[in-house]
Protein backbone atom coordinates (compact mmCIF):
# COMPACT_ATOMS: atom_id res chain seq x y z
CA MET A 1 3.03 26.77 -11.78
CA TYR A 2 2.40 29.73 -9.55
CA LYS A 3 -0.50 31.30 -7.72
CA ILE A 4 -2.26 34.10 -9.53
CA ASP A 5 -0.62 37.44 -8.69
CA SER A 6 -2.06 39.78 -11.29
CA PHE A 7 -4.18 42.87 -10.78
CA GLY A 8 -7.30 42.15 -8.74
CA SER A 9 -6.01 38.97 -7.14
CA VAL A 10 -6.14 38.65 -3.36
CA ASN A 11 -3.42 36.64 -1.60
CA GLY A 12 -2.95 34.34 -4.59
CA GLN A 13 -6.69 33.86 -5.06
CA PHE A 14 -9.04 34.97 -7.80
CA SER A 15 -11.54 37.69 -7.02
CA ASP A 16 -14.82 38.57 -8.71
CA GLY A 17 -14.31 42.18 -7.69
CA ASN A 18 -17.20 44.50 -6.88
CA TYR A 19 -18.22 46.57 -9.86
CA GLU A 20 -20.71 48.60 -7.84
CA ALA A 21 -17.86 49.71 -5.60
CA GLY A 22 -15.54 50.24 -8.57
CA LYS A 23 -13.32 47.17 -7.81
CA LYS A 24 -12.45 45.07 -10.83
CA GLY A 25 -12.11 41.31 -10.76
CA THR A 26 -8.84 39.47 -11.17
CA LYS A 27 -7.10 39.97 -14.51
CA VAL A 28 -6.10 36.60 -15.94
CA PRO A 29 -2.82 37.03 -17.81
CA ALA A 30 -1.64 34.78 -20.64
CA ARG A 31 1.41 33.83 -18.58
CA TRP A 32 -0.74 32.27 -15.86
CA LEU A 33 -2.91 30.39 -18.37
CA ASN A 34 0.20 29.15 -20.23
CA SER A 35 1.69 27.96 -16.95
CA LEU A 36 -1.49 26.04 -16.14
CA GLN A 37 -1.62 24.59 -19.66
CA THR A 38 2.02 23.48 -19.49
CA GLU A 39 1.48 21.75 -16.13
CA MET A 40 -1.58 19.91 -17.43
CA CYS A 41 0.17 18.87 -20.68
CA ASN A 42 3.15 17.60 -18.69
CA LEU A 43 0.81 15.47 -16.58
CA VAL A 44 -0.98 14.06 -19.63
CA GLU A 45 2.33 13.09 -21.26
CA PHE A 46 3.76 11.66 -18.02
CA LEU A 47 0.71 9.41 -17.83
CA GLY A 48 1.55 8.04 -21.28
CA GLN A 49 -1.14 9.87 -23.22
CA GLU A 50 -0.74 11.83 -26.44
CA LEU A 51 -2.11 15.35 -26.42
CA SER A 52 -5.39 15.53 -28.35
CA LYS A 53 -7.97 18.25 -28.93
CA GLU A 54 -10.69 15.64 -29.30
CA ASP A 55 -10.11 13.82 -25.99
CA ASP A 56 -11.26 15.54 -22.80
CA ASP A 57 -10.61 12.46 -20.63
CA GLN A 58 -6.85 12.15 -21.05
CA ILE A 59 -5.94 12.85 -17.43
CA LEU A 60 -8.71 10.62 -16.11
CA ASN A 61 -7.79 7.75 -18.43
CA GLY A 62 -4.08 8.22 -17.76
CA LEU A 63 -4.58 8.18 -13.99
CA ASN A 64 -6.75 5.06 -14.22
CA SER A 65 -4.06 3.25 -16.23
CA TYR A 66 -1.32 4.44 -13.87
CA MET A 67 -3.21 3.31 -10.77
CA ASN A 68 -3.99 -0.07 -12.31
CA GLU A 69 -0.31 -0.59 -13.12
CA TYR A 70 1.15 0.57 -9.83
CA PHE A 71 -1.51 -0.54 -7.39
CA THR A 72 -2.74 -3.88 -8.71
CA ARG A 73 -3.43 -5.98 -5.66
CA GLN A 74 -3.34 -9.69 -5.08
CA TYR A 75 -5.70 -10.49 -2.22
CA ILE A 76 -4.47 -12.87 0.49
CA GLU A 77 -6.68 -14.75 2.91
CA GLU A 78 -5.21 -17.76 4.69
CA TYR A 79 -5.85 -19.58 7.97
CA ILE A 80 -3.96 -21.58 10.54
CA ASP A 81 -5.91 -23.56 13.15
CA ASN A 82 -4.54 -24.79 16.47
CA VAL A 83 -0.96 -23.55 16.59
CA SER A 84 1.65 -25.84 18.15
CA GLU A 85 5.41 -26.23 18.48
CA THR A 86 5.50 -27.60 14.94
CA SER A 87 5.65 -24.81 12.38
CA GLN A 88 2.44 -24.65 10.37
CA ASP A 89 2.12 -22.97 6.99
CA ALA A 90 -0.94 -20.98 6.05
CA GLY A 91 -2.13 -22.62 2.86
CA SER A 92 -0.66 -21.63 -0.46
CA ALA A 93 2.24 -19.33 -1.21
CA PHE A 94 1.70 -15.85 -2.58
CA SER A 95 3.77 -14.11 -5.23
CA VAL A 96 5.24 -10.61 -4.95
CA PRO A 97 6.50 -8.98 -8.16
CA TYR A 98 9.83 -7.20 -8.28
CA LYS A 99 9.62 -3.91 -6.36
CA GLY A 100 6.31 -5.07 -4.94
CA ILE A 101 5.32 -4.90 -1.32
CA VAL A 102 3.09 -7.18 0.73
CA ASP A 103 0.91 -5.82 3.50
CA VAL A 104 -0.54 -8.57 5.71
CA ASP A 105 -2.70 -8.26 8.82
CA ALA A 106 -2.65 -11.33 11.06
CA VAL A 107 -5.68 -11.57 13.34
CA LEU A 108 -5.03 -14.00 16.19
CA SER A 109 -8.05 -15.43 17.96
CA VAL A 110 -6.65 -17.99 20.42
CA PHE A 111 -8.02 -19.75 23.48
CA ASP A 112 -7.22 -22.79 25.59
CA VAL A 113 -3.57 -21.79 25.81
CA VAL A 114 -1.56 -24.59 27.39
CA GLY A 115 1.64 -23.44 29.06
CA ASN A 116 3.24 -20.01 29.04
CA GLY A 117 5.19 -18.91 26.02
CA ARG A 118 4.80 -17.09 22.77
CA ILE A 119 3.35 -17.40 19.29
CA THR A 120 5.63 -16.35 16.46
CA VAL A 121 4.00 -15.36 13.19
CA SER A 122 6.53 -15.29 10.35
CA ILE A 123 6.89 -14.77 6.63
CA TYR A 124 9.48 -16.84 4.76
CA ASP A 125 10.52 -17.07 1.15
CA MET A 126 10.28 -20.43 -0.59
CA ASN A 127 13.88 -21.24 0.38
CA ASN A 128 12.76 -20.97 4.03
CA SER A 129 14.80 -17.80 4.44
CA PHE A 130 13.30 -15.61 7.16
CA VAL A 131 11.80 -12.33 5.98
CA SER A 132 9.64 -10.83 8.73
CA SER A 133 7.96 -11.84 11.98
CA ALA A 134 5.99 -10.75 15.01
CA VAL A 135 6.22 -12.40 18.44
CA LEU A 136 3.26 -12.45 20.82
CA PRO A 137 3.48 -13.58 24.45
CA VAL A 138 0.69 -15.90 25.65
CA SER A 139 -0.13 -17.27 29.10
CA GLU A 140 -1.78 -20.45 30.41
CA GLY A 141 -5.56 -20.36 30.00
CA GLU A 142 -5.49 -17.03 28.20
CA GLU A 143 -8.00 -16.02 25.56
CA LEU A 144 -6.96 -13.22 23.26
CA LYS A 145 -7.66 -11.53 19.99
CA ILE A 146 -4.93 -9.36 18.58
CA LEU A 147 -3.96 -7.79 15.27
CA VAL A 148 -0.41 -7.91 13.92
CA ARG A 149 0.78 -6.17 10.74
CA LEU A 150 3.60 -7.57 8.62
CA LEU A 151 5.17 -5.65 5.72
CA VAL A 152 7.52 -7.26 3.22
CA LYS A 153 9.09 -5.85 0.06
CA ASN A 154 10.65 -7.70 -2.83
CA ASP A 155 14.11 -6.31 -3.58
CA ASP A 156 15.29 -9.33 -5.54
CA PRO A 157 18.75 -8.45 -6.95
CA ASN A 158 17.90 -10.13 -10.26
CA GLY A 159 14.61 -8.27 -10.68
CA ASN A 160 12.49 -11.41 -10.32
CA ALA A 161 9.17 -12.04 -8.64
CA ARG A 162 9.45 -13.96 -5.35
CA ASN A 163 7.10 -16.35 -3.61
CA PHE A 164 6.47 -16.17 0.12
CA LYS A 165 4.61 -18.19 2.71
CA ILE A 166 3.24 -17.42 6.15
CA SER A 167 3.70 -19.69 9.14
CA ALA A 168 3.04 -19.75 12.87
CA ILE A 169 4.64 -21.68 15.72
CA THR A 170 4.49 -21.67 19.52
CA SER A 171 7.47 -21.77 21.82
CA THR A 172 8.49 -25.04 23.49
CA GLY A 173 5.95 -26.33 26.02
CA CYS A 174 3.14 -24.16 24.72
CA SER A 175 0.18 -24.72 22.41
CA ALA A 176 -3.03 -22.88 21.62
CA SER A 177 -6.38 -23.62 20.08
CA GLY A 178 -8.03 -21.09 17.87
CA ARG A 179 -7.33 -19.57 14.51
CA ILE A 180 -4.90 -17.13 12.94
CA THR A 181 -6.47 -15.38 9.98
CA PHE A 182 -4.19 -13.65 7.50
CA VAL A 183 -5.80 -10.96 5.39
CA GLY A 184 -3.81 -8.69 3.16
CA SER A 185 -2.75 -7.76 -0.31
CA VAL A 186 0.27 -7.59 -2.55
CA ILE A 187 0.80 -4.22 -4.18
CA SER A 188 2.35 -4.76 -7.60
CA LYS A 189 4.80 -1.83 -7.57
CA ARG A 190 5.90 1.04 -5.41
CA ILE A 191 6.10 4.63 -6.55
CA ASN A 192 9.21 6.72 -5.87
CA TYR A 193 11.26 3.58 -5.45
CA ALA A 194 15.02 3.91 -5.14
CA GLN A 195 16.89 4.05 -8.43
CA ASP A 196 17.73 0.67 -9.95
């Protein structure tokens, strides 16, 4: 692909010209049209479509299929009420396909904090292996609302889906009333992923 550079073009742009002033519009050469055609055909075939004279929606349909395959989302919404020193899991586990990525926002709305310490929000796999966490300091009597983002990818060496769970726990001598709301999604695949 290249920007038009034929007679009558202006800085890579098409021009209508001005016939009253004797200036002709841009000449459209076969080479430019063939370049455009080749680029469009390459895109259609990359998207898994077969070239067809009868189908004027090939790029649209191909892009829709591609987006559905690579950006299918699994919605996550879980809660934890009244966090304490005992680790609490947020409801059910969620599954992340191979090469998938999970994007979770944890919204902490806590009050009646007893003691000074911290709240640790973590993601674990089902073998209780640590994956990701965020640590938030809290103080006696504090009320707070804060947003934490956690990102996790599934790079399972065997190419399998993995299940994860979210949990929260306070440090020793500290507890908090309130709720942690987890809202997020699992993206089914990532584009431009490193070679297998």
